[in-house]
PDB file of N, CA and C in Angstrom:
ATOM      1  N   MET A   1      96.133 117.281  64.310  1.00  0.00           N
ATOM      2  CA  MET A   1      97.402 117.856  64.709  1.00  0.00           C
ATOM      3  C   MET A   1      97.152 119.119  65.531  1.00  0.00           C
ATOM      4  N   ALA A   2      97.898 119.271  66.588  1.00  0.00           N
ATOM      5  CA  ALA A   2      97.718 120.405  67.499  1.00  0.00           C
ATOM      6  C   ALA A   2      98.324 121.676  66.903  1.00  0.00           C
ATOM      7  N   THR A   3      97.673 122.776  67.192  1.00  0.00           N
ATOM      8  CA  THR A   3      98.195 124.057  66.722  1.00  0.00           C
ATOM      9  C   THR A   3      99.339 124.499  67.614  1.00  0.00           C
ATOM     10  N   GLN A   4     100.028 125.515  67.170  1.00  0.00           N
ATOM     11  CA  GLN A   4     101.156 126.030  67.938  1.00  0.00           C
ATOM     12  C   GLN A   4     100.682 126.581  69.292  1.00  0.00           C
ATOM     13  N   LYS A   5      99.517 127.198  69.285  1.00  0.00           N
ATOM     14  CA  LYS A   5      98.944 127.751  70.504  1.00  0.00           C
ATOM     15  C   LYS A   5      98.611 126.636  71.503  1.00  0.00           C
ATOM     16  N   GLN A   6      98.070 125.523  71.001  1.00  0.00           N
ATOM     17  CA  GLN A   6      97.728 124.385  71.855  1.00  0.00           C
ATOM     18  C   GLN A   6      98.982 123.756  72.461  1.00  0.00           C
ATOM     19  N   ARG A   7     100.023 123.628  71.633  1.00  0.00           N
ATOM     20  CA  ARG A   7     101.286 123.045  72.128  1.00  0.00           C
ATOM     21  C   ARG A   7     101.889 123.927  73.217  1.00  0.00           C
ATOM     22  N   ALA A   8     101.827 125.238  73.020  1.00  0.00           N
ATOM     23  CA  ALA A   8     102.370 126.172  74.009  1.00  0.00           C
ATOM     24  C   ALA A   8     101.572 126.074  75.308  1.00  0.00           C
ATOM     25  N   ALA A   9     100.261 125.976  75.198  1.00  0.00           N
ATOM     26  CA  ALA A   9      99.412 125.850  76.390  1.00  0.00           C
ATOM     27  C   ALA A   9      99.720 124.547  77.124  1.00  0.00           C
ATOM     28  N   ALA A  10      99.904 123.464  76.395  1.00  0.00           N
ATOM     29  CA  ALA A  10     100.218 122.173  77.013  1.00  0.00           C
ATOM     30  C   ALA A  10     101.562 122.232  77.729  1.00  0.00           C
ATOM     31  N   ARG A  11     102.549 122.865  77.088  1.00  0.00           N
ATOM     32  CA  ARG A  11     103.870 123.006  77.721  1.00  0.00           C
ATOM     33  C   ARG A  11     103.765 123.806  79.019  1.00  0.00           C
ATOM     34  N   LYS A  12     102.963 124.869  78.975  1.00  0.00           N
ATOM     35  CA  LYS A  12     102.764 125.725  80.145  1.00  0.00           C
ATOM     36  C   LYS A  12     102.101 124.938  81.272  1.00  0.00           C
ATOM     37  N   ASN A  13     101.104 124.123  80.930  1.00  0.00           N
ATOM     38  CA  ASN A  13     100.407 123.307  81.938  1.00  0.00           C
ATOM     39  C   ASN A  13     101.340 122.297  82.584  1.00  0.00           C
ATOM     40  N   VAL A  14     102.188 121.671  81.785  1.00  0.00           N
ATOM     41  CA  VAL A  14     103.134 120.682  82.310  1.00  0.00           C
ATOM     42  C   VAL A  14     104.111 121.357  83.266  1.00  0.00           C
ATOM     43  N   LYS A  15     104.617 122.515  82.872  1.00  0.00           N
ATOM     44  CA  LYS A  15     105.560 123.237  83.738  1.00  0.00           C
ATOM     45  C   LYS A  15     104.898 123.640  85.054  1.00  0.00           C
ATOM     46  N   LYS A  16     103.626 124.083  84.977  1.00  0.00           N
ATOM     47  CA  LYS A  16     102.884 124.452  86.185  1.00  0.00           C
ATOM     48  C   LYS A  16     102.726 123.260  87.115  1.00  0.00           C
ATOM     49  N   ALA A  17     102.372 122.116  86.544  1.00  0.00           N
ATOM     50  CA  ALA A  17     102.175 120.905  87.344  1.00  0.00           C
ATOM     51  C   ALA A  17     103.479 120.470  87.999  1.00  0.00           C
ATOM     52  N   GLN A  18     104.573 120.524  87.252  1.00  0.00           N
ATOM     53  CA  GLN A  18     105.877 120.140  87.806  1.00  0.00           C
ATOM     54  C   GLN A  18     106.279 121.078  88.939  1.00  0.00           C
ATOM     55  N   ALA A  19     106.056 122.368  88.748  1.00  0.00           N
ATOM     56  CA  ALA A  19     106.408 123.348  89.784  1.00  0.00           C
ATOM     57  C   ALA A  19     105.562 123.119  91.037  1.00  0.00           C
ATOM     58  N   GLY A  20     104.282 122.814  90.845  1.00  0.00           N
ATOM     59  CA  GLY A  20     103.394 122.548  91.979  1.00  0.00           C
ATOM     60  C   GLY A  20     103.837 121.336  92.771  1.00  0.00           C
ATOM     61  N   ALA A  21     104.184 120.270  92.062  1.00  0.00           N
ATOM     62  CA  ALA A  21     104.626 119.042  92.726  1.00  0.00           C
ATOM     63  C   ALA A  21     105.939 119.275  93.470  1.00  0.00           C
ATOM     64  N   LYS A  22     106.813 120.044  92.862  1.00  0.00           N
ATOM     65  CA  LYS A  22     108.114 120.314  93.483  1.00  0.00           C
ATOM     66  C   LYS A  22     107.962 121.165  94.740  1.00  0.00           C
ATOM     67  N   SER A  23     107.056 122.142  94.689  1.00  0.00           N
ATOM     68  CA  SER A  23     106.897 123.033  95.835  1.00  0.00           C
ATOM     69  C   SER A  23     106.122 122.397  96.980  1.00  0.00           C
ATOM     70  N   LYS A  24     105.270 121.411  96.679  1.00  0.00           N
ATOM     71  CA  LYS A  24     104.441 120.774  97.711  1.00  0.00           C
ATOM     72  C   LYS A  24     105.291 120.122  98.787  1.00  0.00           C
ATOM     73  N   GLN A  25     106.041 119.094  98.420  1.00  0.00           N
ATOM     74  CA  GLN A  25     106.899 118.351  99.355  1.00  0.00           C
ATOM     75  C   GLN A  25     106.206 118.167 100.701  1.00  0.00           C
ATOM     76  N   THR A  26     105.094 117.454 100.690  1.00  0.00           N
ATOM     77  CA  THR A  26     104.230 117.363 101.859  1.00  0.00           C
ATOM     78  C   THR A  26     104.901 116.764 103.086  1.00  0.00           C
ATOM     79  N   LEU A  27     105.730 115.754 102.937  1.00  0.00           N
ATOM     80  CA  LEU A  27     106.379 115.137 104.103  1.00  0.00           C
ATOM     81  C   LEU A  27     107.269 116.128 104.840  1.00  0.00           C
ATOM     82  N   LYS A  28     107.902 116.967 104.075  1.00  0.00           N
ATOM     83  CA  LYS A  28     108.829 117.935 104.638  1.00  0.00           C
ATOM     84  C   LYS A  28     108.127 118.892 105.607  1.00  0.00           C
ATOM     85  N   HIS A  29     106.851 119.186 105.352  1.00  0.00           N
ATOM     86  CA  HIS A  29     106.132 120.166 106.146  1.00  0.00           C
ATOM     87  C   HIS A  29     105.361 119.555 107.320  1.00  0.00           C
ATOM     88  N   LEU A  30     105.471 118.257 107.509  1.00  0.00           N
ATOM     89  CA  LEU A  30     104.794 117.617 108.637  1.00  0.00           C
ATOM     90  C   LEU A  30     105.588 117.859 109.924  1.00  0.00           C
ATOM     91  N   PRO A  31     104.925 117.782 111.057  1.00  0.00           N
ATOM     92  CA  PRO A  31     105.644 117.937 112.332  1.00  0.00           C
ATOM     93  C   PRO A  31     106.689 116.829 112.517  1.00  0.00           C
ATOM     94  N   SER A  32     107.705 117.123 113.257  1.00  0.00           N
ATOM     95  CA  SER A  32     108.807 116.189 113.478  1.00  0.00           C
ATOM     96  C   SER A  32     108.319 114.863 114.063  1.00  0.00           C
ATOM     97  N   SER A  33     107.401 114.927 115.006  1.00  0.00           N
ATOM     98  CA  SER A  33     106.910 113.696 115.645  1.00  0.00           C
ATOM     99  C   SER A  33     106.183 112.796 114.647  1.00  0.00           C
ATOM    100  N   THR A  34     105.458 113.407 113.715  1.00  0.00           N
ATOM    101  CA  THR A  34     104.744 112.630 112.695  1.00  0.00           C
ATOM    102  C   THR A  34     105.729 111.971 111.746  1.00  0.00           C
ATOM    103  N   ARG A  35     106.755 112.731 111.335  1.00  0.00           N
ATOM    104  CA  ARG A  35     107.773 112.158 110.439  1.00  0.00           C
ATOM    105  C   ARG A  35     108.474 110.990 111.121  1.00  0.00           C
ATOM    106  N   THR A  36     108.768 111.133 112.415  1.00  0.00           N
ATOM    107  CA  THR A  36     109.421 110.071 113.176  1.00  0.00           C
ATOM    108  C   THR A  36     108.535 108.828 113.222  1.00  0.00           C
ATOM    109  N   ALA A  37     107.248 109.036 113.503  1.00  0.00           N
ATOM    110  CA  ALA A  37     106.311 107.910 113.578  1.00  0.00           C
ATOM    111  C   ALA A  37     106.201 107.198 112.229  1.00  0.00           C
ATOM    112  N   LEU A  38     106.164 107.963 111.147  1.00  0.00           N
ATOM    113  CA  LEU A  38     106.095 107.362 109.810  1.00  0.00           C
ATOM    114  C   LEU A  38     107.356 106.547 109.518  1.00  0.00           C
ATOM    115  N   GLY A  39     108.496 107.068 109.921  1.00  0.00           N
ATOM    116  CA  GLY A  39     109.760 106.362 109.723  1.00  0.00           C
ATOM    117  C   GLY A  39     109.809 105.059 110.505  1.00  0.00           C
ATOM    118  N   LYS A  40     109.328 105.088 111.747  1.00  0.00           N
ATOM    119  CA  LYS A  40     109.305 103.878 112.576  1.00  0.00           C
ATOM    120  C   LYS A  40     108.368 102.828 111.999  1.00  0.00           C
ATOM    121  N   GLU A  41     107.219 103.270 111.497  1.00  0.00           N
ATOM    122  CA  GLU A  41     106.248 102.356 110.880  1.00  0.00           C
ATOM    123  C   GLU A  41     106.855 101.699 109.640  1.00  0.00           C
ATOM    124  N   ALA A  42     107.525 102.502 108.815  1.00  0.00           N
ATOM    125  CA  ALA A  42     108.151 101.975 107.603  1.00  0.00           C
ATOM    126  C   ALA A  42     109.257 100.981 107.948  1.00  0.00           C
ATOM    127  N   ALA A  43     110.025 101.287 108.984  1.00  0.00           N
ATOM    128  CA  ALA A  43     111.102 100.388 109.404  1.00  0.00           C
ATOM    129  C   ALA A  43     110.537  99.054 109.899  1.00  0.00           C
ATOM    130  N   ALA A  44     109.422  99.112 110.618  1.00  0.00           N
ATOM    131  CA  ALA A  44     108.789  97.885 111.123  1.00  0.00           C
ATOM    132  C   ALA A  44     108.306  97.012 109.969  1.00  0.00           C
ATOM    133  N   VAL A  45     107.767  97.629 108.939  1.00  0.00           N
ATOM    134  CA  VAL A  45     107.312  96.872 107.760  1.00  0.00           C
ATOM    135  C   VAL A  45     108.508  96.229 107.069  1.00  0.00           C
ATOM    136  N   ARG A  46     109.595  97.006 106.930  1.00  0.00           N
ATOM    137  CA  ARG A  46     110.790  96.455 106.259  1.00  0.00           C
ATOM    138  C   ARG A  46     111.376  95.284 107.036  1.00  0.00           C
ATOM    139  N   ARG A  47     111.358  95.378 108.370  1.00  0.00           N
ATOM    140  CA  ARG A  47     111.874  94.275 109.191  1.00  0.00           C
ATOM    141  C   ARG A  47     110.951  93.069 109.157  1.00  0.00           C
ATOM    142  N   GLY A  48     109.692  93.299 108.825  1.00  0.00           N
ATOM    143  CA  GLY A  48     108.722  92.212 108.805  1.00  0.00           C
ATOM    144  C   GLY A  48     107.911  92.133 110.091  1.00  0.00           C
ATOM    145  N   ASP A  49     108.076  93.107 110.974  1.00  0.00           N
ATOM    146  CA  ASP A  49     107.327  93.127 112.237  1.00  0.00           C
ATOM    147  C   ASP A  49     105.868  93.528 112.026  1.00  0.00           C
ATOM    148  N   ALA A  50     105.625  94.401 111.056  1.00  0.00           N
ATOM    149  CA  ALA A  50     104.266  94.897 110.792  1.00  0.00           C
ATOM    150  C   ALA A  50     103.868  94.531 109.360  1.00  0.00           C
ATOM    151  N   PRO A  51     102.602  94.214 109.140  1.00  0.00           N
ATOM    152  CA  PRO A  51     102.158  93.862 107.791  1.00  0.00           C
ATOM    153  C   PRO A  51     102.040  95.097 106.896  1.00  0.00           C
ATOM    154  N   THR A  52     102.207  94.891 105.599  1.00  0.00           N
ATOM    155  CA  THR A  52     102.024  95.984 104.647  1.00  0.00           C
ATOM    156  C   THR A  52     100.534  96.193 104.415  1.00  0.00           C
ATOM    157  N   ARG A  53     100.186  97.281 103.779  1.00  0.00           N
ATOM    158  CA  ARG A  53      98.780  97.565 103.495  1.00  0.00           C
ATOM    159  C   ARG A  53      98.209  96.484 102.580  1.00  0.00           C
ATOM    160  N   LYS A  54      99.020  96.056 101.635  1.00  0.00           N
ATOM    161  CA  LYS A  54      98.581  95.012 100.691  1.00  0.00           C
ATOM    162  C   LYS A  54      98.246  93.716 101.433  1.00  0.00           C
ATOM    163  N   GLU A  55      99.098  93.343 102.386  1.00  0.00           N
ATOM    164  CA  GLU A  55      98.857  92.128 103.175  1.00  0.00           C
ATOM    165  C   GLU A  55      97.591  92.269 104.016  1.00  0.00           C
ATOM    166  N   LEU A  56      97.413  93.455 104.605  1.00  0.00           N
ATOM    167  CA  LEU A  56      96.205  93.692 105.403  1.00  0.00           C
ATOM    168  C   LEU A  56      94.948  93.616 104.539  1.00  0.00           C
ATOM    169  N   GLU A  57      95.030  94.179 103.335  1.00  0.00           N
ATOM    170  CA  GLU A  57      93.866  94.144 102.444  1.00  0.00           C
ATOM    171  C   GLU A  57      93.545  92.716 102.018  1.00  0.00           C
ATOM    172  N   GLU A  58      94.571  91.905 101.826  1.00  0.00           N
ATOM    173  CA  GLU A  58      94.365  90.496 101.468  1.00  0.00           C
ATOM    174  C   GLU A  58      93.661  89.747 102.604  1.00  0.00           C
ATOM    175  N   ARG A  59      94.115  89.989 103.849  1.00  0.00           N
ATOM    176  CA  ARG A  59      93.466  89.346 105.002  1.00  0.00           C
ATOM    177  C   ARG A  59      92.031  89.833 105.157  1.00  0.00           C
ATOM    178  N   ALA A  60      91.813  91.127 104.892  1.00  0.00           N
ATOM    179  CA  ALA A  60      90.460  91.694 104.978  1.00  0.00           C
ATOM    180  C   ALA A  60      89.548  91.070 103.917  1.00  0.00           C
ATOM    181  N   ARG A  61      90.107  90.794 102.754  1.00  0.00           N
ATOM    182  CA  ARG A  61      89.328  90.157 101.684  1.00  0.00           C
ATOM    183  C   ARG A  61      88.906  88.762 102.116  1.00  0.00           C
ATOM    184  N   LYS A  62      89.836  88.012 102.731  1.00  0.00           N
ATOM    185  CA  LYS A  62      89.517  86.657 103.196  1.00  0.00           C
ATOM    186  C   LYS A  62      88.475  86.681 104.308  1.00  0.00           C
ATOM    187  N   LEU A  63      88.529  87.733 105.150  1.00  0.00           N
ATOM    188  CA  LEU A  63      87.568  87.866 106.240  1.00  0.00           C
ATOM    189  C   LEU A  63      86.271  88.537 105.778  1.00  0.00           C
ATOM    190  N   ASP A  64      86.218  88.923 104.518  1.00  0.00           N
ATOM    191  CA  ASP A  64      85.045  89.553 103.904  1.00  0.00           C
ATOM    192  C   ASP A  64      84.629  90.828 104.644  1.00  0.00           C
ATOM    193  N   ILE A  65      85.601  91.712 104.848  1.00  0.00           N
ATOM    194  CA  ILE A  65      85.338  93.000 105.495  1.00  0.00           C
ATOM    195  C   ILE A  65      84.889  93.982 104.419  1.00  0.00           C
ATOM    196  N   ARG A  66      83.739  94.597 104.644  1.00  0.00           N
ATOM    197  CA  ARG A  66      83.192  95.529 103.657  1.00  0.00           C
ATOM    198  C   ARG A  66      83.877  96.886 103.754  1.00  0.00           C
ATOM    199  N   GLY A  67      84.049  97.550 102.618  1.00  0.00           N
ATOM    200  CA  GLY A  67      84.645  98.883 102.570  1.00  0.00           C
ATOM    201  C   GLY A  67      86.144  98.890 102.700  1.00  0.00           C
ATOM    202  N   ARG A  68      86.780  97.737 102.561  1.00  0.00           N
ATOM    203  CA  ARG A  68      88.230  97.635 102.774  1.00  0.00           C
ATOM    204  C   ARG A  68      89.047  98.450 101.773  1.00  0.00           C
ATOM    205  N   SER A  69      88.541  98.594 100.549  1.00  0.00           N
ATOM    206  CA  SER A  69      89.316  99.327  99.544  1.00  0.00           C
ATOM    207  C   SER A  69      89.388 100.815  99.859  1.00  0.00           C
ATOM    208  N   LYS A  70      88.445 101.314 100.644  1.00  0.00           N
ATOM    209  CA  LYS A  70      88.432 102.742 100.984  1.00  0.00           C
ATOM    210  C   LYS A  70      89.143 103.028 102.299  1.00  0.00           C
ATOM    211  N   MET A  71      89.558 101.979 103.002  1.00  0.00           N
ATOM    212  CA  MET A  71      90.193 102.161 104.312  1.00  0.00           C
ATOM    213  C   MET A  71      91.683 102.448 104.167  1.00  0.00           C
ATOM    214  N   GLY A  72      92.193 103.196 105.129  1.00  0.00           N
ATOM    215  CA  GLY A  72      93.624 103.416 105.219  1.00  0.00           C
ATOM    216  C   GLY A  72      94.259 102.237 105.948  1.00  0.00           C
ATOM    217  N   LYS A  73      95.575 102.275 106.068  1.00  0.00           N
ATOM    218  CA  LYS A  73      96.285 101.161 106.690  1.00  0.00           C
ATOM    219  C   LYS A  73      95.868 100.950 108.146  1.00  0.00           C
ATOM    220  N   SER A  74      95.790 102.019 108.910  1.00  0.00           N
ATOM    221  CA  SER A  74      95.441 101.870 110.329  1.00  0.00           C
ATOM    222  C   SER A  74      94.009 101.373 110.502  1.00  0.00           C
ATOM    223  N   GLU A  75      93.100 101.851 109.636  1.00  0.00           N
ATOM    224  CA  GLU A  75      91.710 101.380 109.694  1.00  0.00           C
ATOM    225  C   GLU A  75      91.636  99.894 109.366  1.00  0.00           C
ATOM    226  N   LEU A  76      92.392  99.483 108.343  1.00  0.00           N
ATOM    227  CA  LEU A  76      92.427  98.061 107.969  1.00  0.00           C
ATOM    228  C   LEU A  76      92.954  97.213 109.120  1.00  0.00           C
ATOM    229  N   LYS A  77      94.008  97.714 109.768  1.00  0.00           N
ATOM    230  CA  LYS A  77      94.609  96.989 110.886  1.00  0.00           C
ATOM    231  C   LYS A  77      93.568  96.752 111.988  1.00  0.00           C
ATOM    232  N   ARG A  78      92.816  97.813 112.338  1.00  0.00           N
ATOM    233  CA  ARG A  78      91.775  97.697 113.370  1.00  0.00           C
ATOM    234  C   ARG A  78      90.653  96.765 112.935  1.00  0.00           C
ATOM    235  N   ALA A  79      90.209  96.890 111.672  1.00  0.00           N
ATOM    236  CA  ALA A  79      89.098  96.073 111.179  1.00  0.00           C
ATOM    237  C   ALA A  79      89.475  94.595 111.136  1.00  0.00           C
ATOM    238  N   VAL A  80      90.685  94.287 110.731  1.00  0.00           N
ATOM    239  CA  VAL A  80      91.154  92.898 110.680  1.00  0.00           C
ATOM    240  C   VAL A  80      91.258  92.338 112.088  1.00  0.00           C
ATOM    241  N   ALA A  81      91.806  93.128 113.011  1.00  0.00           N
ATOM    242  CA  ALA A  81      91.916  92.672 114.399  1.00  0.00           C
ATOM    243  C   ALA A  81      90.547  92.412 114.999  1.00  0.00           C
ATOM    244  N   ARG A  82      89.585  93.290 114.723  1.00  0.00           N
ATOM    245  CA  ARG A  82      88.222  93.131 115.230  1.00  0.00           C
ATOM    246  C   ARG A  82      87.561  91.869 114.661  1.00  0.00           C
ATOM    247  N   ALA A  83      87.768  91.640 113.356  1.00  0.00           N
ATOM    248  CA  ALA A  83      87.143  90.503 112.691  1.00  0.00           C
ATOM    249  C   ALA A  83      87.764  89.172 113.108  1.00  0.00           C
ATOM    250  N   GLU A  84      89.043  89.176 113.494  1.00  0.00           N
ATOM    251  CA  GLU A  84      89.726  87.947 113.871  1.00  0.00           C
ATOM    252  C   GLU A  84      89.439  87.539 115.318  1.00  0.00           C
ATOM    253  N   ARG A  85      88.810  88.417 116.105  1.00  0.00           N
ATOM    254  CA  ARG A  85      88.498  88.094 117.503  1.00  0.00           C
ATOM    255  C   ARG A  85      87.509  87.004 117.624  1.00  0.00           C
TER     256      ARG A  85
END
């Protein structure tokens, strides 16, 4: 069973973490052009024009591309396109 001091420390840590997450708001601090590009990319995925990261990773798995789990979406897109040539 935790002591009163331990419970207080845990509560303090949780509050600190919540405050940090709330203050970060990383998307909000990005340049306008980047936010616009991210929005357009998301809209294309929703429409079905662009594949999701999960779909790209599945295609990369079938093509046996190494390091696919560590790649970002754009890297996966390039690697899949290169492998399909």
